[in-house]
Amino acid sequence: PNNIVGYKDSGGDWENTKDIIDNCEGLHVYSGSEIPLSDVLKHGGAGCISATANTQAKFIKAIIEAWYSGDDQAMQVAQEHATVNRMILQDYPPMAAAVKSSVASISGNDIWLNIRPPLVSIPEESASQLMGSLKL
């Protein structure tokens, strides 16, 4: 108990994440996706650790700030944007390449387009469609 203070649940099963939060007092629980972030915070979890956070840090930050300030409406709006973006990124497999492509576009730094095997890049046309779909 003194060595493990945090836990990332990437299973995608909200009931499991909630069960861990509810039954592991003192453990900092993070979801592996921003989709349940508002629920994680409301139930006493610590936040999320998500690769797609690289593309939408401002929405995740807005969710957390709204939670701490008690602004449920702002939290809901930011959560909706974060959820939509996550779902869009998931539609461009492999998701790691989609994240790298979007970070390259957002940052203007093409070094993010470097992909190591066995992963492959998403096609340029898909990358353009992806960036046109994301709410940034």
Protein backbone atom coordinates (compact mmCIF):
# COMPACT_ATOMS: atom_id res chain seq x y z
CA PRO A 1 0.00 0.00 0.00
CA ASN A 2 2.87 2.42 0.57
CA ASN A 3 4.44 1.76 -2.83
CA ILE A 4 1.43 2.09 -5.12
CA VAL A 5 -0.37 5.41 -4.93
CA GLY A 6 -1.91 5.69 -8.39
CA TYR A 7 -3.73 3.51 -10.88
CA LYS A 8 -4.61 4.02 -14.53
CA ASP A 9 -7.66 2.07 -15.68
CA SER A 10 -7.54 1.69 -19.47
CA GLY A 11 -10.17 -1.01 -19.69
CA GLY A 12 -12.90 1.31 -20.93
CA ASP A 13 -15.45 -0.06 -18.45
CA TRP A 14 -16.80 2.85 -16.38
CA GLU A 15 -18.34 0.51 -13.78
CA ASN A 16 -14.91 -1.03 -13.13
CA THR A 17 -13.27 2.38 -12.83
CA LYS A 18 -16.00 3.54 -10.46
CA ASP A 19 -15.65 0.37 -8.39
CA ILE A 20 -11.92 0.96 -7.98
CA ILE A 21 -12.47 4.61 -7.00
CA ASP A 22 -15.18 3.62 -4.51
CA ASN A 23 -13.26 0.74 -2.92
CA CYS A 24 -9.62 1.79 -2.91
CA GLU A 25 -9.46 4.70 -0.51
CA GLY A 26 -6.32 6.79 -0.92
CA LEU A 27 -5.52 5.42 -4.38
CA HIS A 28 -5.32 8.08 -7.09
CA VAL A 29 -7.40 6.60 -9.93
CA TYR A 30 -7.06 7.84 -13.51
CA SER A 31 -9.11 6.75 -16.50
CA GLY A 32 -7.25 5.83 -19.67
CA SER A 33 -9.54 8.05 -21.71
CA GLU A 34 -10.99 11.53 -21.34
CA ILE A 35 -14.49 10.25 -22.17
CA PRO A 36 -15.40 9.51 -18.52
CA LEU A 37 -13.29 12.35 -17.05
CA SER A 38 -16.20 14.31 -15.57
CA ASP A 39 -17.57 11.16 -13.95
CA VAL A 40 -14.12 10.21 -12.67
CA LEU A 41 -13.76 13.60 -10.98
CA LYS A 42 -17.31 13.56 -9.60
CA HIS A 43 -16.67 10.18 -7.96
CA GLY A 44 -13.35 11.15 -6.40
CA GLY A 45 -10.92 10.00 -9.08
CA ALA A 46 -7.79 11.92 -9.93
CA GLY A 47 -8.14 12.55 -13.68
CA CYS A 48 -7.16 10.87 -16.91
CA ILE A 49 -3.99 9.72 -18.63
CA SER A 50 -4.75 9.61 -22.33
CA ALA A 51 -2.66 9.73 -25.50
CA THR A 52 -5.36 11.81 -27.13
CA ALA A 53 -4.85 14.44 -24.44
CA ASN A 54 -1.96 15.59 -26.60
CA THR A 55 -4.49 16.99 -29.07
CA GLN A 56 -6.96 18.52 -26.65
CA ALA A 57 -5.24 19.61 -23.49
CA LYS A 58 -7.36 22.78 -23.39
CA PHE A 59 -10.62 20.80 -23.12
CA ILE A 60 -9.24 18.49 -20.46
CA LYS A 61 -7.93 21.50 -18.56
CA ALA A 62 -11.33 23.18 -18.91
CA ILE A 63 -13.08 20.09 -17.50
CA ILE A 64 -10.76 20.02 -14.49
CA GLU A 65 -10.95 23.77 -13.86
CA ALA A 66 -14.75 23.70 -14.13
CA TRP A 67 -14.85 20.79 -11.68
CA TYR A 68 -12.78 22.69 -9.12
CA SER A 69 -14.78 25.88 -9.57
CA GLY A 70 -18.11 24.04 -9.38
CA ASP A 71 -19.23 25.16 -12.85
CA ASP A 72 -21.22 22.12 -13.99
CA GLN A 73 -22.35 23.76 -17.24
CA ALA A 74 -18.80 24.62 -18.32
CA MET A 75 -17.67 21.14 -17.33
CA GLN A 76 -20.41 19.57 -19.44
CA VAL A 77 -19.57 21.69 -22.49
CA ALA A 78 -15.85 20.93 -22.25
CA GLN A 79 -16.61 17.24 -21.66
CA GLU A 80 -18.76 17.12 -24.80
CA HIS A 81 -15.93 18.60 -26.88
CA ALA A 82 -13.37 16.22 -25.40
CA THR A 83 -15.62 13.21 -25.98
CA VAL A 84 -16.34 14.18 -29.59
CA ASN A 85 -12.63 14.64 -30.31
CA ARG A 86 -11.75 11.31 -28.72
CA MET A 87 -14.38 9.51 -30.77
CA ILE A 88 -13.13 11.19 -33.95
CA LEU A 89 -9.52 10.19 -33.25
CA GLN A 90 -10.62 6.61 -32.62
CA ASP A 91 -12.14 6.58 -36.13
CA TYR A 92 -8.68 7.03 -37.71
CA PRO A 93 -6.74 3.88 -36.91
CA PRO A 94 -4.13 3.37 -35.85
CA MET A 95 -5.03 5.91 -33.20
CA ALA A 96 -1.39 6.53 -32.23
CA ALA A 97 -0.65 7.63 -35.80
CA ALA A 98 -3.77 9.80 -35.84
CA VAL A 99 -2.65 11.50 -32.62
CA LYS A 100 0.84 12.07 -34.00
CA SER A 101 -0.60 13.47 -37.22
CA SER A 102 -2.88 15.86 -35.35
CA VAL A 103 -0.09 16.99 -33.00
CA ALA A 104 2.11 17.65 -36.04
CA SER A 105 -0.62 19.79 -37.56
CA ILE A 106 -1.40 21.65 -34.33
CA SER A 107 2.25 22.32 -33.49
CA GLY A 108 3.47 22.91 -37.03
CA ASN A 109 6.29 20.42 -36.34
CA ASP A 110 6.42 17.55 -38.83
CA ILE A 111 8.79 15.55 -36.63
CA TRP A 112 5.61 14.19 -35.02
CA LEU A 113 4.90 12.36 -38.28
CA ASN A 114 7.77 9.95 -37.60
CA ILE A 115 6.22 6.57 -36.91
CA ARG A 116 8.17 3.49 -35.85
CA PRO A 117 7.33 0.06 -37.21
CA PRO A 118 5.16 -1.87 -36.90
CA LEU A 119 2.91 1.22 -36.84
CA VAL A 120 2.15 3.06 -40.05
CA SER A 121 1.13 6.64 -40.73
CA ILE A 122 -2.40 7.55 -41.66
CA PRO A 123 -2.78 8.64 -45.30
CA GLU A 124 -2.39 12.37 -45.97
CA GLU A 125 -6.01 12.62 -47.14
CA SER A 126 -7.18 11.02 -43.88
CA ALA A 127 -4.99 13.41 -41.89
CA SER A 128 -6.66 16.37 -43.61
CA GLN A 129 -10.12 14.95 -42.93
CA LEU A 130 -9.16 14.32 -39.31
CA MET A 131 -8.02 17.89 -38.75
CA GLY A 132 -11.18 19.20 -40.40
CA SER A 133 -13.30 17.11 -38.02
CA LEU A 134 -11.61 17.89 -34.69
CA LYS A 135 -12.97 20.66 -32.50
CA LEU A 136 -9.88 22.58 -31.48
